[in-house]
Amino acid sequence: MASTFVQLSASPAASLAQHVITHLPVVVLFPHNRCNCRCVMCDIWRIKQTRQIETADLIPHLESFRKLGTRWIALSGGEALLHDNLRGLLELLRGEGMRITLLSTGLLLADNAALVTELVDDVIVSLDGPHETHNAIRRVRDAYERMAEGISALRALRSDMPISARSTVQKNNFRELPKTVDAARELGLNSISFLAVDATSKAFNREDVWDEDEQVHSGVSGKDAADCEALSECARRDRGCGSEVQCAVGFRSGGEQRNSAALFLSCGDWEYPRAASREIVNGESALRFRACLDMEKNAICRRCVCSLYYS
């Protein structure tokens, strides 16, 4: 008698169900799409049309934040302090009991010190090196000095406010990692972390992926990787920083790192999302994307610079 074997497998709906996100503790919010620096590794400064998230845009997402257990909002950009009603956004988020982290160029901290110390929990400034290097990369003549003034203004109003730095490691500053740590101390920062420059994607308002010449201008080449790692170790050891310095520079594995997930709400060149956050992260297209994503093989994931894990 002939036998017939029927292969049983989960239905497509059941397969997608395992990719539903039920808990989203951190949301990265881009309140304003423009920036007040002209960094050599970024094209956000080329944006001409100003867009920003209004409080009315954010209100429909609050119920989703509650149901997803969101407790932490990171304000990125662009430069969030360019927003003309940032207080309104911050007070709305504070009303939900959110922890708020501000990522900033530091240029407007002094002018907004009262607002920041009142409604923000901690600040992360971008630091590209000692002051000459920082100003050259930012292409703002007094960027370092204005950031220093802003940090001092925050400390004057709230001496215990956590203020740290994130440094993007690239061709123009990787030989100055120890001096960058010294600069962080000079500025009175609590800590500094490093990550590799993203020179291979369409992020940061690039119309197209940079060509090889442009990548070479900002990226750290393979032949420089050993020097970069040695300088990272020097920054840790010789500066006596211990855990104060977190080196998250992925050159040891050719820049290939494992990605991590978060929700990004943006006011970029597309229309601000009107759907609730839960519908965005658990919509059919998002579920199918996660179901098919192989981070070990995906070209973008393998080159991700914003990761907690090396592959």
Protein backbone atom coordinates (compact mmCIF):
# COMPACT_ATOMS: atom_id res chain seq x y z
CA MET A 1 0.00 0.00 0.00
CA ALA A 2 1.38 3.35 -0.96
CA SER A 3 1.93 5.78 1.87
CA THR A 4 1.25 9.46 1.64
CA PHE A 5 3.17 11.87 3.86
CA VAL A 6 1.69 15.25 4.52
CA GLN A 7 4.12 17.85 5.87
CA LEU A 8 2.52 19.95 8.55
CA SER A 9 3.85 23.46 9.07
CA ALA A 10 2.72 26.55 10.86
CA SER A 11 0.34 28.79 8.97
CA PRO A 12 1.73 32.10 7.65
CA ALA A 13 -0.31 33.95 10.27
CA ALA A 14 1.11 31.80 13.06
CA SER A 15 4.60 32.28 11.70
CA LEU A 16 4.23 36.05 11.70
CA ALA A 17 2.68 36.05 15.18
CA GLN A 18 5.99 35.08 16.75
CA HIS A 19 7.46 38.36 15.48
CA VAL A 20 4.89 40.60 17.20
CA ILE A 21 6.55 43.13 19.51
CA THR A 22 4.80 43.28 22.86
CA HIS A 23 7.31 45.40 24.77
CA LEU A 24 9.09 48.47 23.43
CA PRO A 25 10.96 50.11 26.32
CA VAL A 26 12.87 52.71 24.27
CA VAL A 27 11.69 55.00 21.47
CA VAL A 28 14.04 57.26 19.51
CA LEU A 29 12.24 60.46 18.55
CA PHE A 30 13.47 62.91 15.92
CA PRO A 31 11.65 66.15 16.84
CA HIS A 32 13.40 68.34 14.23
CA ASN A 33 14.91 67.38 10.89
CA ARG A 34 17.63 70.01 10.54
CA CYS A 35 21.01 70.46 12.19
CA ASN A 36 23.24 73.41 13.12
CA CYS A 37 26.53 71.70 12.23
CA ARG A 38 28.00 70.85 8.83
CA CYS A 39 29.82 67.63 9.71
CA VAL A 40 32.04 66.08 7.08
CA MET A 41 30.51 62.61 7.64
CA CYS A 42 26.86 63.70 7.45
CA ASP A 43 24.55 65.43 4.98
CA ILE A 44 21.67 66.33 7.30
CA TRP A 45 22.84 69.94 7.22
CA ARG A 46 21.96 70.06 3.50
CA ILE A 47 18.23 69.81 4.29
CA LYS A 48 16.52 73.07 3.36
CA GLN A 49 12.88 72.51 4.31
CA THR A 50 12.26 72.56 8.06
CA ARG A 51 10.04 69.84 9.47
CA GLN A 52 9.26 69.15 13.10
CA ILE A 53 7.01 66.93 15.17
CA GLU A 54 4.25 68.92 16.84
CA THR A 55 2.57 67.91 20.09
CA ALA A 56 -0.59 67.13 18.10
CA ASP A 57 1.42 64.65 16.02
CA LEU A 58 2.69 62.87 19.11
CA ILE A 59 -0.57 62.59 21.07
CA PRO A 60 -2.00 59.68 18.99
CA HIS A 61 1.07 57.60 19.88
CA LEU A 62 0.81 57.95 23.65
CA GLU A 63 -1.67 55.13 24.12
CA SER A 64 0.61 52.83 22.12
CA PHE A 65 3.54 53.83 24.32
CA ARG A 66 1.50 52.85 27.38
CA LYS A 67 0.49 49.47 25.98
CA LEU A 68 4.02 48.71 24.74
CA GLY A 69 5.55 49.68 28.07
CA THR A 70 7.66 52.50 26.64
CA ARG A 71 9.48 54.24 29.48
CA TRP A 72 12.42 55.97 27.80
CA ILE A 73 12.49 58.54 25.00
CA ALA A 74 15.75 59.49 23.28
CA LEU A 75 15.57 62.78 21.38
CA SER A 76 17.82 62.65 18.34
CA GLY A 77 17.91 64.48 15.03
CA GLY A 78 18.86 66.79 13.43
CA GLU A 79 19.16 68.95 16.46
CA ALA A 80 16.18 68.70 18.80
CA LEU A 81 16.96 72.09 20.39
CA LEU A 82 16.07 73.79 17.08
CA HIS A 83 12.41 72.88 17.74
CA ASP A 84 10.32 75.98 18.35
CA ASN A 85 8.09 74.29 20.97
CA LEU A 86 10.32 71.69 22.52
CA ARG A 87 8.88 72.48 25.94
CA GLY A 88 5.46 71.33 24.73
CA LEU A 89 6.84 67.98 23.58
CA LEU A 90 8.88 67.49 26.74
CA GLU A 91 5.97 68.30 29.05
CA LEU A 92 3.76 65.89 27.11
CA LEU A 93 6.30 63.08 27.51
CA ARG A 94 6.96 63.97 31.13
CA GLY A 95 3.23 63.65 31.75
CA GLU A 96 3.58 60.01 30.67
CA GLY A 97 6.36 59.47 33.19
CA MET A 98 9.03 59.06 30.51
CA ARG A 99 12.75 59.20 31.08
CA ILE A 100 14.15 61.63 28.50
CA THR A 101 17.63 61.62 27.00
CA LEU A 102 18.74 64.47 24.75
CA LEU A 103 21.30 63.89 22.00
CA SER A 104 22.75 67.23 20.94
CA THR A 105 25.53 69.00 19.08
CA GLY A 106 25.82 71.18 22.18
CA LEU A 107 25.68 74.47 20.30
CA LEU A 108 22.34 75.53 21.81
CA LEU A 109 22.69 74.09 25.30
CA ALA A 110 23.60 77.42 26.89
CA ASP A 111 20.52 79.14 25.44
CA ASN A 112 18.27 76.28 26.57
CA ALA A 113 19.94 75.34 29.85
CA ALA A 114 16.88 76.10 32.00
CA LEU A 115 14.58 74.00 29.83
CA VAL A 116 17.02 71.08 29.58
CA THR A 117 17.81 70.91 33.29
CA GLU A 118 14.10 71.09 34.14
CA LEU A 119 12.69 68.48 31.77
CA VAL A 120 15.55 66.26 30.53
CA ASP A 121 17.13 63.46 32.55
CA ASP A 122 20.49 63.22 30.81
CA VAL A 123 22.35 64.67 27.84
CA ILE A 124 24.67 63.08 25.28
CA VAL A 125 26.77 65.51 23.25
CA SER A 126 28.69 64.74 20.08
CA LEU A 127 32.44 65.05 20.57
CA ASP A 128 34.78 64.56 17.62
CA GLY A 129 38.13 65.18 19.32
CA PRO A 130 40.13 67.95 20.97
CA HIS A 131 38.80 71.39 20.15
CA GLU A 132 40.69 72.02 16.88
CA THR A 133 39.72 68.63 15.49
CA HIS A 134 36.15 68.89 16.74
CA ASN A 135 35.65 72.28 15.11
CA ALA A 136 37.20 71.13 11.84
CA ILE A 137 34.96 68.06 11.61
CA ARG A 138 31.85 70.00 12.65
CA ARG A 139 32.81 72.83 10.26
CA VAL A 140 31.62 75.34 12.87
CA ARG A 141 34.41 77.66 13.96
CA ASP A 142 33.56 77.75 17.68
CA ALA A 143 31.59 74.49 18.05
CA TYR A 144 33.80 73.16 20.87
CA GLU A 145 33.76 76.43 22.76
CA ARG A 146 29.97 76.75 22.51
CA MET A 147 29.51 73.16 23.64
CA ALA A 148 31.79 73.81 26.62
CA GLU A 149 29.75 76.90 27.49
CA GLY A 150 26.55 74.89 27.28
CA ILE A 151 27.84 72.11 29.51
CA SER A 152 28.93 74.69 32.08
CA ALA A 153 25.48 76.29 31.94
CA LEU A 154 23.82 72.93 32.65
CA ARG A 155 26.18 72.23 35.53
CA ALA A 156 25.52 75.66 37.02
CA LEU A 157 21.80 74.91 37.21
CA ARG A 158 22.03 71.21 38.01
CA SER A 159 25.46 70.10 39.11
CA ASP A 160 24.63 66.38 39.21
CA MET A 161 23.05 66.19 35.74
CA PRO A 162 24.51 63.23 33.80
CA ILE A 163 26.23 64.56 30.67
CA SER A 164 28.20 62.18 28.47
CA ALA A 165 29.72 62.17 25.01
CA ARG A 166 29.44 59.98 21.94
CA SER A 167 32.35 60.16 19.50
CA THR A 168 32.10 59.01 15.90
CA VAL A 169 35.43 57.46 14.96
CA GLN A 170 36.55 58.22 11.42
CA LYS A 171 39.54 58.98 9.21
CA ASN A 172 39.82 62.54 10.54
CA ASN A 173 40.04 61.73 14.24
CA PHE A 174 40.87 58.08 14.92
CA ARG A 175 44.51 58.86 15.73
CA GLU A 176 43.33 61.23 18.46
CA LEU A 177 41.25 58.85 20.56
CA PRO A 178 43.38 59.41 23.72
CA LYS A 179 43.14 63.19 23.22
CA THR A 180 39.38 62.84 22.74
CA VAL A 181 39.15 61.20 26.16
CA ASP A 182 41.21 64.09 27.55
CA ALA A 183 38.77 66.53 25.92
CA ALA A 184 35.81 64.76 27.53
CA ARG A 185 37.48 65.20 30.90
CA GLU A 186 38.29 68.82 30.14
CA LEU A 187 34.62 69.40 29.43
CA GLY A 188 33.63 67.79 32.74
CA LEU A 189 31.70 64.92 31.14
CA ASN A 190 30.70 61.79 33.02
CA SER A 191 31.70 59.35 30.28
CA ILE A 192 32.47 58.93 26.61
CA SER A 193 31.70 56.14 24.16
CA PHE A 194 32.90 55.54 20.62
CA LEU A 195 31.31 54.08 17.53
CA ALA A 196 32.43 53.72 13.94
CA VAL A 197 31.39 56.16 11.24
CA ASP A 198 28.64 54.95 8.91
CA ALA A 199 30.17 55.44 5.48
CA THR A 200 28.29 52.75 3.53
CA SER A 201 24.54 53.44 3.84
CA LYS A 202 22.00 56.06 2.76
CA ALA A 203 21.62 57.29 6.33
CA PHE A 204 22.22 60.90 7.38
CA ASN A 205 20.31 62.37 4.42
CA ARG A 206 22.54 60.90 1.72
CA GLU A 207 20.73 60.75 -1.59
CA ASP A 208 22.89 57.83 -2.64
CA VAL A 209 25.42 55.57 -1.00
CA TRP A 210 28.80 57.28 -0.97
CA ASP A 211 31.14 56.22 -3.72
CA GLU A 212 34.51 54.68 -2.89
CA ASP A 213 36.36 58.01 -2.86
CA GLU A 214 33.85 59.54 -0.42
CA GLN A 215 33.99 56.46 1.81
CA VAL A 216 37.77 56.65 1.95
CA HIS A 217 37.53 60.32 2.99
CA SER A 218 35.68 59.47 6.23
CA GLY A 219 36.04 55.74 6.80
CA VAL A 220 38.91 54.04 8.60
CA SER A 221 40.57 51.60 6.23
CA GLY A 222 41.47 48.04 7.03
CA LYS A 223 45.17 48.91 7.18
CA ASP A 224 44.40 51.46 9.91
CA ALA A 225 42.30 49.05 11.99
CA ALA A 226 45.19 47.82 14.12
CA ASP A 227 46.26 51.39 14.89
CA CYS A 228 42.68 52.27 15.80
CA GLU A 229 42.39 49.36 18.21
CA ALA A 230 45.77 50.14 19.77
CA LEU A 231 44.75 53.76 20.28
CA SER A 232 41.46 52.63 21.82
CA GLU A 233 43.37 50.48 24.29
CA CYS A 234 45.71 53.41 24.98
CA ALA A 235 42.74 55.63 25.72
CA ARG A 236 41.47 53.09 28.22
CA ARG A 237 44.75 52.17 29.88
CA ASP A 238 46.90 55.29 29.86
CA ARG A 239 44.04 57.63 30.72
CA GLY A 240 43.08 55.45 33.69
CA CYS A 241 39.45 55.53 32.66
CA GLY A 242 38.37 51.95 33.25
CA SER A 243 34.68 51.57 32.51
CA GLU A 244 34.35 55.31 31.98
CA VAL A 245 35.43 54.76 28.38
CA GLN A 246 33.30 52.42 26.31
CA CYS A 247 34.92 51.53 23.00
CA ALA A 248 32.22 50.31 20.64
CA VAL A 249 34.29 50.62 17.49
CA GLY A 250 33.72 47.70 15.19
CA PHE A 251 36.88 47.68 13.11
CA ARG A 252 38.18 44.43 14.60
CA SER A 253 35.58 42.51 12.63
CA GLY A 254 35.65 44.71 9.55
CA GLY A 255 32.80 46.85 10.78
CA GLU A 256 30.35 43.93 10.74
CA GLN A 257 28.18 44.06 13.83
CA ARG A 258 24.86 42.67 15.00
CA ASN A 259 21.94 45.06 14.89
CA SER A 260 19.48 45.83 17.67
CA ALA A 261 15.90 47.03 17.33
CA ALA A 262 14.14 50.22 18.32
CA LEU A 263 11.29 52.36 17.07
CA PHE A 264 12.24 55.59 15.34
CA LEU A 265 9.58 58.28 14.91
CA SER A 266 10.84 60.86 12.47
CA CYS A 267 9.83 64.09 10.77
CA GLY A 268 12.10 63.51 7.80
CA ASP A 269 11.27 63.82 4.13
CA TRP A 270 8.29 61.50 4.43
CA GLU A 271 4.94 62.28 6.04
CA TYR A 272 4.93 61.88 9.81
CA PRO A 273 3.35 58.49 10.66
CA ARG A 274 -0.31 58.96 11.57
CA ALA A 275 -0.85 55.33 12.53
CA ALA A 276 -0.39 54.39 16.18
CA SER A 277 3.05 53.12 17.11
CA ARG A 278 1.72 49.61 17.79
CA GLU A 279 0.29 49.52 14.27
CA ILE A 280 3.64 50.60 12.84
CA VAL A 281 5.85 48.07 14.63
CA ASN A 282 3.30 45.24 14.35
CA GLY A 283 1.84 46.01 10.95
CA GLU A 284 1.92 43.24 8.36
CA SER A 285 4.83 44.73 6.43
CA ALA A 286 6.89 45.09 9.63
CA LEU A 287 6.09 41.52 10.70
CA ARG A 288 7.04 40.14 7.29
CA PHE A 289 10.26 42.14 7.32
CA ARG A 290 11.28 40.71 10.70
CA ALA A 291 10.24 37.21 9.68
CA CYS A 292 12.52 37.32 6.64
CA LEU A 293 15.42 39.21 8.21
CA ASP A 294 18.66 37.26 8.57
CA MET A 295 21.01 39.58 10.43
CA GLU A 296 23.99 37.32 9.74
CA LYS A 297 23.52 37.84 6.00
CA ASN A 298 21.78 41.19 5.66
CA ALA A 299 24.29 43.69 4.24
CA ILE A 300 22.99 46.60 6.31
CA CYS A 301 22.97 44.64 9.58
CA ARG A 302 26.47 43.33 8.97
CA ARG A 303 27.78 46.89 8.67
CA CYS A 304 25.62 48.42 11.41
CA VAL A 305 27.58 50.88 13.59
CA CYS A 306 24.84 51.32 16.21
CA SER A 307 25.06 47.91 17.82
CA LEU A 308 25.72 46.53 21.28
CA TYR A 309 27.12 43.32 19.90
CA TYR A 310 29.83 42.29 17.48
CA SER A 311 28.96 39.51 15.07
